[in-house]
Each structure stands twice: as structure tokens, then as C-alpha cells.
Amino acid sequence: MAKVTLKDIAREVGLSTTAVSLVLNGRPNSLSETSRNRIKEAARRKRYVPNQIARSLVTQRTDTLGLIVPNIQSRFFSSLASSLERRCREHGYALFITNSESSASDSELVRLLVNRRVDGIFIVVSDELSPDDDLVSSLSQLPIPYVMVDRVVEGVLGDRVRFNNEAGGHRATAYLLDQGHRRIACLVNKRSNTGLERLEGYERALRERGVEPDLTLELQTDYYIDDAFRAARRLVGSDVTAVFASSDNIALGLLKRLYACGLRVPHDCSVVSYDNSAADALFEPALTSIEQNVAELSDEAFAVMLGRLKEDGGPACAIERILEPRLVEKSSVAPPRRC
């Protein structure tokens, strides 16, 4: 079946191709309501599909956006991608979702998306502490809008939307302190700004209650279950009564270690996690957690991007939106016992 064109619709309704184009592309025109309805009805009846490439040549827009995330297998990042894709689609944009595993890959994917002529890019950087120089250069010279989501690269004056990680770490630790715990360990990724900020909140909460942070209880782990499982080995047999696990993947690695040693949560050790993803549905009891609302994060990131896409003026100051996490109480915390 031959593809229906604007000329076919124009011939059908007896109007110019320009008039038909204006109506079907939602652009201002002086046609009567009757004529507009005739055009739309003819397009529907003939099953007209707009030529996106031709439209892009006229508008200089592709109605596509790009998303770069590290580790798409992460429940948090996969949820973010899903939520952001839905938000884009609701507003007529298609979202290209790409997966990066390093800062160098970030810069490659930025170039790929620009070459694909996306109108803007959402990026969750792989390495906040030591980003690739090429990535910093690429972002600084990007000819299209971009929004750093969840993680940010300091020194790059771009738009950013993220949660208050320091406040989240503080709330998690304060909650454990409120339950009477004093020997509280922290499983945290010290190779990321998000992890370091959560660690700062953990330490601030301890000091506010007169508990000096014990550096031997601040255990490094990447955001992977197996890494956390290995790091948690040092907690077994210690005098720790509670653990702040700074992501759900880290918490799952911790629980795997505790259960392997015959220890129960919260009877033997209390746990507060971070993210509040669906991961804890696999375990009993459900994890008390700091929630980063993915829908709220994607809504704010998309709102910033949409504002940039609608701007007609010159450069504006970088936008920063900091969202507040909340504690969701479940069943993984009880008064202290020895691990």
C-alpha cells in the first residue's frame, strides 16, 4: 500500500497542501473550524502517518530526547528510565535510552545522541568524582539542552535535578538512633558523590547524639549486591546492632550475608536501606528505607528539560532542583541486639 501524503489529503478536501500541513502539524492558521475538521477526518480515514523526517527538516526538531544511565539493571535506574520514558511520551517525545558503564562511555553516548539529532539529553553520570575530561568538555560545549539527573559533575554549569542525599543519610541514621542503637555501621559507596553525601548525613546524625563516628564501621562497597555481600563479612560477629545500607542493592547484599550466617533481621540486626525500590519484596521482613520518589525525580527533570526546549532567548543561569527524600517505615528495625 502506497504511503498517504499531504498532497493526497489536500486533493481529497480540495485545499492547498500548505493548509493541510498547518492543520495536521497543529500550527496557527486562518481556516474555518469546518475546514479543519474535514482535513482531520480525511487524514484519519486515509490513515495518514506524518513524515517525521520531513517535519524535522522544517522545524529543526526531532521530538526525540536521549537518556544516559549507568547500569540499567539497577532497579532505581530502570525505574527512572521507565518513568521518564512515560513522561516524554505523554508530551509527544520519544526517548532513546542508553546504558553506560564508565565515564568514557558517557562521552561516547553523548556524541551518539547528538549525532542522532535528539533535542535534549538527560544524563546520570557514571563517575561523579573523577569524570572523563572528554565528558566534561562535551557537556560544556553541548549545542542542545541537557539535564544531569540524580548525579552531578561539579564544575560543569549545567541544569541538575537530584535528591538531598545528605538529608537522606541523616534521616536513616537518626531513625536507628531513635530506636536505641549506638553501634551503627554504614555500608556505602565512597567512590560516588551520592554515597559520600549519605555518609556525611550518617556522621552528622551520630555526632548530634553524642556518638563519635567509628571509621571502622564505614565500609566501602560499590552499588552491587555481590560487592555488598563481601563487605558485610566484617560485620558478622561484631558488636554492631544496626546497619545503614546506602542503596537497595547494597541492602540486598547485606541481607544475603546475614541470612547465610543464620542471622535474622531485625531480631539480630536492624537494617535501614535507601531507594525504597521493589527489591525488598523478595525478602522478609520488608525493608525500612529512605525513599527517592522516582516519579517526582522524572517529573522535575522533564519539567526542566521542557522549559529549556521552549526557550527562545539566549543562555540562562543553570537550574538546580534539590528534592527531599522521606523515610518509609516497614519491618526491618527493632530495639538493639547483638549481630
Protein backbone atom coordinates (compact mmCIF):
# COMPACT_ATOMS: atom_id res chain seq x y z
CA MET A 1 0.00 0.00 0.00
CA ALA A 2 1.38 3.41 -1.03
CA LYS A 3 2.07 5.86 1.77
CA VAL A 4 -0.51 8.63 2.10
CA THR A 5 0.96 12.11 1.64
CA LEU A 6 -0.14 15.65 2.41
CA LYS A 7 -0.91 16.09 -1.28
CA ASP A 8 -3.32 13.15 -1.12
CA ILE A 9 -5.15 14.75 1.80
CA ALA A 10 -5.18 18.14 0.05
CA ARG A 11 -6.65 16.59 -3.12
CA GLU A 12 -9.29 14.83 -1.03
CA VAL A 13 -10.54 18.01 0.69
CA GLY A 14 -9.88 20.47 -2.13
CA LEU A 15 -7.48 22.66 -0.18
CA SER A 16 -3.80 23.55 -0.51
CA THR A 17 -1.02 21.32 0.74
CA THR A 18 0.16 24.20 2.94
CA ALA A 19 -3.25 24.47 4.60
CA VAL A 20 -3.34 20.74 5.26
CA SER A 21 0.20 20.82 6.68
CA LEU A 22 -0.64 23.66 9.07
CA VAL A 23 -3.67 21.83 10.44
CA LEU A 24 -2.08 18.40 10.82
CA ASN A 25 1.03 19.88 12.45
CA GLY A 26 -1.04 21.91 14.91
CA ARG A 27 0.27 25.25 13.66
CA PRO A 28 -1.67 28.56 13.62
CA ASN A 29 -3.92 29.05 10.59
CA SER A 30 -6.96 31.04 9.43
CA LEU A 31 -9.06 28.10 8.24
CA SER A 32 -12.61 27.67 9.46
CA GLU A 33 -13.49 25.03 12.03
CA THR A 34 -15.35 23.13 9.31
CA SER A 35 -12.28 23.02 7.04
CA ARG A 36 -10.02 21.93 9.89
CA ASN A 37 -12.40 19.11 10.78
CA ARG A 38 -12.60 17.98 7.13
CA ILE A 39 -8.80 17.78 6.97
CA LYS A 40 -8.52 15.80 10.21
CA GLU A 41 -11.30 13.43 9.17
CA ALA A 42 -9.68 12.78 5.78
CA ALA A 43 -6.33 12.12 7.47
CA ARG A 44 -7.96 9.69 9.89
CA ARG A 45 -9.89 7.90 7.14
CA LYS A 46 -6.81 7.53 4.93
CA ARG A 47 -4.66 6.54 7.95
CA TYR A 48 -2.19 9.33 7.30
CA VAL A 49 1.10 8.99 9.21
CA PRO A 50 3.22 12.18 9.45
CA ASN A 51 6.68 12.09 7.87
CA GLN A 52 8.80 12.80 10.93
CA ILE A 53 11.97 13.34 8.90
CA ALA A 54 10.33 15.93 6.68
CA ARG A 55 8.82 17.65 9.69
CA SER A 56 12.20 17.76 11.40
CA LEU A 57 13.77 19.49 8.39
CA VAL A 58 11.18 22.25 8.69
CA THR A 59 11.02 22.62 12.48
CA GLN A 60 14.69 21.75 13.25
CA ARG A 61 13.27 19.49 15.98
CA THR A 62 13.08 15.69 16.03
CA ASP A 63 10.77 15.38 19.05
CA THR A 64 13.26 12.89 20.49
CA LEU A 65 15.25 13.05 23.72
CA GLY A 66 18.13 10.93 24.99
CA LEU A 67 18.78 9.31 28.37
CA ILE A 68 22.16 8.00 29.56
CA VAL A 69 22.13 5.82 32.68
CA PRO A 70 24.83 3.67 34.30
CA ASN A 71 23.88 0.04 34.97
CA ILE A 72 20.35 -0.25 33.52
CA GLN A 73 19.99 -3.43 35.60
CA SER A 74 19.82 -1.28 38.74
CA ARG A 75 16.23 -1.18 39.97
CA PHE A 76 16.48 2.53 40.64
CA PHE A 77 17.83 3.43 37.20
CA SER A 78 15.48 1.08 35.34
CA SER A 79 12.55 2.62 37.23
CA LEU A 80 13.84 6.09 36.39
CA ALA A 81 14.14 5.20 32.70
CA SER A 82 10.63 3.77 32.63
CA SER A 83 9.11 6.76 34.41
CA LEU A 84 10.95 9.30 32.26
CA GLU A 85 10.02 7.48 29.03
CA ARG A 86 6.36 7.58 30.02
CA ARG A 87 6.56 11.27 30.83
CA CYS A 88 8.22 12.03 27.48
CA ARG A 89 5.67 10.00 25.53
CA GLU A 90 2.79 11.82 27.20
CA HIS A 91 4.20 15.07 25.78
CA GLY A 92 4.87 13.77 22.27
CA TYR A 93 8.57 12.93 22.66
CA ALA A 94 10.31 9.62 22.01
CA LEU A 95 13.11 8.73 24.44
CA PHE A 96 16.32 6.94 23.40
CA ILE A 97 17.57 5.01 26.46
CA THR A 98 21.28 4.15 26.52
CA ASN A 99 23.38 2.28 29.06
CA SER A 100 26.84 3.40 30.14
CA GLU A 101 29.39 1.62 32.30
CA SER A 102 32.11 4.26 32.54
CA SER A 103 32.77 7.98 32.23
CA ALA A 104 34.41 7.36 28.86
CA SER A 105 31.26 5.59 27.70
CA ASP A 106 29.24 8.61 28.87
CA SER A 107 31.07 10.89 26.45
CA GLU A 108 30.68 8.38 23.60
CA LEU A 109 26.95 8.18 24.21
CA VAL A 110 26.63 11.96 24.36
CA ARG A 111 28.16 12.14 20.89
CA LEU A 112 25.97 9.30 19.63
CA LEU A 113 22.79 11.03 20.81
CA VAL A 114 23.85 14.38 19.38
CA ASN A 115 24.55 12.69 16.04
CA ARG A 116 21.08 11.17 16.24
CA ARG A 117 19.81 14.76 16.42
CA VAL A 118 17.99 14.43 19.74
CA ASP A 119 16.54 17.70 21.03
CA GLY A 120 17.97 17.26 24.53
CA ILE A 121 19.79 14.80 26.81
CA PHE A 122 19.16 13.52 30.34
CA ILE A 123 22.35 12.11 31.84
CA VAL A 124 23.09 10.16 35.02
CA VAL A 125 26.87 10.24 35.03
CA SER A 126 28.84 7.07 35.71
CA ASP A 127 31.62 8.70 37.74
CA GLU A 128 30.94 11.91 39.65
CA LEU A 129 34.28 12.14 41.48
CA SER A 130 36.67 11.77 38.55
CA PRO A 131 34.73 12.25 35.31
CA ASP A 132 36.46 11.82 31.98
CA ASP A 133 37.87 15.12 30.64
CA ASP A 134 36.20 14.39 27.32
CA LEU A 135 32.81 14.16 29.05
CA VAL A 136 33.31 17.49 30.83
CA SER A 137 34.32 19.10 27.55
CA SER A 138 31.39 17.55 25.68
CA LEU A 139 28.84 18.72 28.22
CA SER A 140 30.32 22.21 28.41
CA GLN A 141 30.05 22.62 24.62
CA LEU A 142 26.79 20.76 24.05
CA PRO A 143 24.64 22.55 21.44
CA ILE A 144 21.39 21.22 22.92
CA PRO A 145 19.88 21.32 26.44
CA TYR A 146 20.93 18.68 28.94
CA VAL A 147 19.90 17.85 32.49
CA MET A 148 22.08 15.97 34.98
CA VAL A 149 19.77 13.68 36.94
CA ASP A 150 20.49 12.16 40.38
CA ARG A 151 24.27 12.55 40.00
CA VAL A 152 26.11 15.72 39.05
CA VAL A 153 29.54 16.68 37.77
CA GLU A 154 30.92 19.55 39.81
CA GLY A 155 32.44 22.33 37.75
CA VAL A 156 30.01 21.81 34.86
CA LEU A 157 27.43 24.60 34.83
CA GLY A 158 24.50 22.54 33.60
CA ASP A 159 20.95 22.00 34.81
CA ARG A 160 20.65 19.42 37.57
CA VAL A 161 17.85 17.63 39.41
CA ARG A 162 18.67 15.42 42.36
CA PHE A 163 17.67 14.34 45.84
CA ASN A 164 19.20 15.67 49.06
CA ASN A 165 21.46 12.71 49.83
CA GLU A 166 22.91 14.20 53.00
CA ALA A 167 19.42 14.62 54.44
CA GLY A 168 18.59 11.04 53.48
CA GLY A 169 21.62 9.63 55.26
CA HIS A 170 20.81 11.75 58.31
CA ARG A 171 17.18 10.57 58.46
CA ALA A 172 18.15 6.90 58.14
CA THR A 173 20.71 7.11 60.95
CA ALA A 174 18.56 9.30 63.20
CA TYR A 175 15.78 6.73 62.94
CA LEU A 176 18.10 3.95 64.13
CA LEU A 177 19.34 6.16 66.95
CA ASP A 178 15.74 6.82 67.98
CA GLN A 179 15.27 3.06 68.36
CA GLY A 180 18.17 2.95 70.83
CA HIS A 181 21.01 1.85 68.55
CA ARG A 182 24.50 3.27 69.08
CA ARG A 183 26.78 0.83 67.26
CA ILE A 184 25.53 1.56 63.74
CA ALA A 185 27.55 0.54 60.69
CA CYS A 186 27.30 2.18 57.28
CA LEU A 187 27.73 0.26 54.04
CA VAL A 188 28.42 2.98 51.49
CA ASN A 189 29.95 3.69 48.09
CA LYS A 190 32.70 6.20 48.88
CA ARG A 191 33.59 6.41 45.18
CA SER A 192 30.49 8.47 44.38
CA ASN A 193 29.23 11.87 45.49
CA THR A 194 25.85 10.41 46.32
CA GLY A 195 27.49 7.88 48.63
CA LEU A 196 29.76 10.46 50.26
CA GLU A 197 26.81 12.78 50.87
CA ARG A 198 24.82 9.97 52.51
CA LEU A 199 27.88 9.19 54.63
CA GLU A 200 28.03 12.85 55.73
CA GLY A 201 24.41 12.63 56.85
CA TYR A 202 25.16 9.42 58.75
CA GLU A 203 28.07 11.05 60.58
CA ARG A 204 26.12 14.24 61.34
CA ALA A 205 23.28 12.26 62.91
CA LEU A 206 25.73 10.35 65.13
CA ARG A 207 27.52 13.49 66.31
CA GLU A 208 24.23 15.22 67.09
CA ARG A 209 23.51 12.38 69.56
CA GLY A 210 26.98 12.45 71.08
CA VAL A 211 28.24 9.37 69.23
CA GLU A 212 31.63 9.82 67.59
CA PRO A 213 31.71 8.07 64.17
CA ASP A 214 33.83 4.93 64.14
CA LEU A 215 35.68 4.78 60.82
CA THR A 216 35.98 1.00 61.09
CA LEU A 217 32.20 0.80 60.75
CA GLU A 218 32.14 2.82 57.49
CA LEU A 219 32.56 0.01 54.97
CA GLN A 220 33.21 0.67 51.28
CA THR A 221 31.12 -1.14 48.69
CA ASP A 222 30.05 -0.41 45.13
CA TYR A 223 26.35 -0.36 44.25
CA TYR A 224 26.24 -4.09 43.53
CA ILE A 225 24.82 -6.98 45.56
CA ASP A 226 27.98 -9.11 45.35
CA ASP A 227 30.23 -6.23 46.47
CA ALA A 228 28.00 -5.56 49.47
CA PHE A 229 27.93 -9.26 50.32
CA ARG A 230 31.73 -9.27 50.52
CA ALA A 231 31.93 -6.02 52.51
CA ALA A 232 29.32 -7.19 55.04
CA ARG A 233 31.53 -10.09 56.10
CA ARG A 234 33.32 -7.74 58.52
CA LEU A 235 30.07 -7.09 60.40
CA VAL A 236 29.36 -10.69 61.36
CA GLY A 237 30.47 -11.36 64.92
CA SER A 238 30.96 -7.65 65.67
CA ASP A 239 29.14 -5.56 68.29
CA VAL A 240 27.13 -3.73 65.59
CA THR A 241 23.38 -3.77 66.27
CA ALA A 242 22.19 -1.90 63.17
CA VAL A 243 23.31 -1.06 59.64
CA PHE A 244 22.52 1.83 57.33
CA ALA A 245 22.80 0.37 53.81
CA SER A 246 23.06 3.27 51.38
CA SER A 247 21.19 1.65 48.47
CA ASP A 248 18.74 -1.21 47.99
CA ASN A 249 21.32 -3.29 46.11
CA ILE A 250 23.74 -2.80 49.00
CA ALA A 251 20.99 -3.79 51.45
CA LEU A 252 20.28 -6.97 49.50
CA GLY A 253 23.94 -7.94 49.60
CA LEU A 254 23.94 -7.30 53.35
CA LEU A 255 20.81 -9.41 53.89
CA LYS A 256 22.31 -12.21 51.82
CA ARG A 257 25.37 -12.24 54.11
CA LEU A 258 23.32 -12.09 57.33
CA TYR A 259 20.99 -14.88 56.25
CA ALA A 260 23.95 -17.02 55.14
CA CYS A 261 25.28 -16.72 58.70
CA GLY A 262 21.94 -17.65 60.27
CA LEU A 263 21.21 -14.11 61.47
CA ARG A 264 17.73 -12.59 61.33
CA VAL A 265 16.52 -9.06 60.59
CA PRO A 266 15.56 -7.26 62.78
CA HIS A 267 15.86 -9.79 65.64
CA ASP A 268 19.65 -9.99 65.39
CA CYS A 269 20.42 -6.85 63.38
CA SER A 270 18.30 -3.88 62.26
CA VAL A 271 18.64 -2.50 58.72
CA VAL A 272 17.63 0.75 57.05
CA SER A 273 18.02 0.79 53.28
CA TYR A 274 17.99 3.53 50.63
CA ASP A 275 15.83 3.94 47.47
CA ASN A 276 12.71 2.03 48.58
CA SER A 277 12.53 0.11 45.30
CA ALA A 278 10.58 -3.08 44.77
CA ALA A 279 13.69 -5.09 45.64
CA ASP A 280 12.70 -5.70 49.25
CA ALA A 281 9.56 -7.53 48.10
CA LEU A 282 11.86 -10.53 47.70
CA PHE A 283 12.78 -10.54 51.39
CA GLU A 284 11.05 -10.85 54.73
CA PRO A 285 10.76 -8.59 56.59
CA ALA A 286 10.21 -5.61 54.27
CA LEU A 287 12.96 -3.01 54.50
CA THR A 288 12.55 0.31 56.24
CA SER A 289 14.05 2.64 53.68
CA ILE A 290 14.78 6.18 52.56
CA GLU A 291 12.59 6.73 49.53
CA GLN A 292 13.75 8.60 46.46
CA ASN A 293 10.46 9.05 44.62
CA VAL A 294 11.31 8.16 41.02
CA ALA A 295 8.15 9.71 39.61
CA GLU A 296 8.93 13.00 41.35
CA LEU A 297 12.52 12.91 40.08
CA SER A 298 11.50 12.21 36.48
CA ASP A 299 8.73 14.84 36.59
CA GLU A 300 11.13 17.53 37.77
CA ALA A 301 13.83 16.53 35.27
CA PHE A 302 11.34 16.58 32.41
CA ALA A 303 9.89 19.93 33.53
CA VAL A 304 13.38 21.48 33.45
CA MET A 305 14.04 20.00 30.00
CA LEU A 306 10.69 21.13 28.62
CA GLY A 307 11.33 24.65 29.87
CA ARG A 308 14.66 24.71 28.05
CA LEU A 309 13.14 23.39 24.83
CA LYS A 310 10.54 26.16 24.86
CA GLU A 311 13.06 28.96 25.45
CA ASP A 312 13.71 31.42 22.64
CA GLY A 313 16.23 33.67 24.36
CA GLY A 314 19.95 33.39 24.96
CA PRO A 315 21.82 31.49 27.68
CA ALA A 316 20.22 31.41 31.11
CA CYS A 317 21.58 30.54 34.54
CA ALA A 318 21.84 26.84 35.33
CA ILE A 319 18.83 25.42 37.16
CA GLU A 320 19.22 23.23 40.24
CA ARG A 321 16.30 21.38 41.82
CA ILE A 322 17.00 19.54 45.08
CA LEU A 323 14.24 17.17 46.19
CA GLU A 324 13.72 15.90 49.72
CA PRO A 325 13.70 12.14 50.42
CA ARG A 326 11.43 10.61 53.05
CA LEU A 327 11.68 7.69 55.45
CA VAL A 328 9.28 4.79 54.82
CA GLU A 329 8.86 2.66 57.92
CA LYS A 330 8.46 -1.07 57.38
CA SER A 331 9.61 -4.07 59.42
CA SER A 332 13.41 -4.25 59.42
CA VAL A 333 14.15 -2.21 62.57
CA ALA A 334 13.74 -3.20 66.21
CA PRO A 335 15.43 -2.28 69.54
CA PRO A 336 19.11 -3.28 69.63
CA ARG A 337 20.51 -6.76 69.94
CA ARG A 338 23.99 -8.00 69.04
CA CYS A 339 24.63 -9.06 65.40
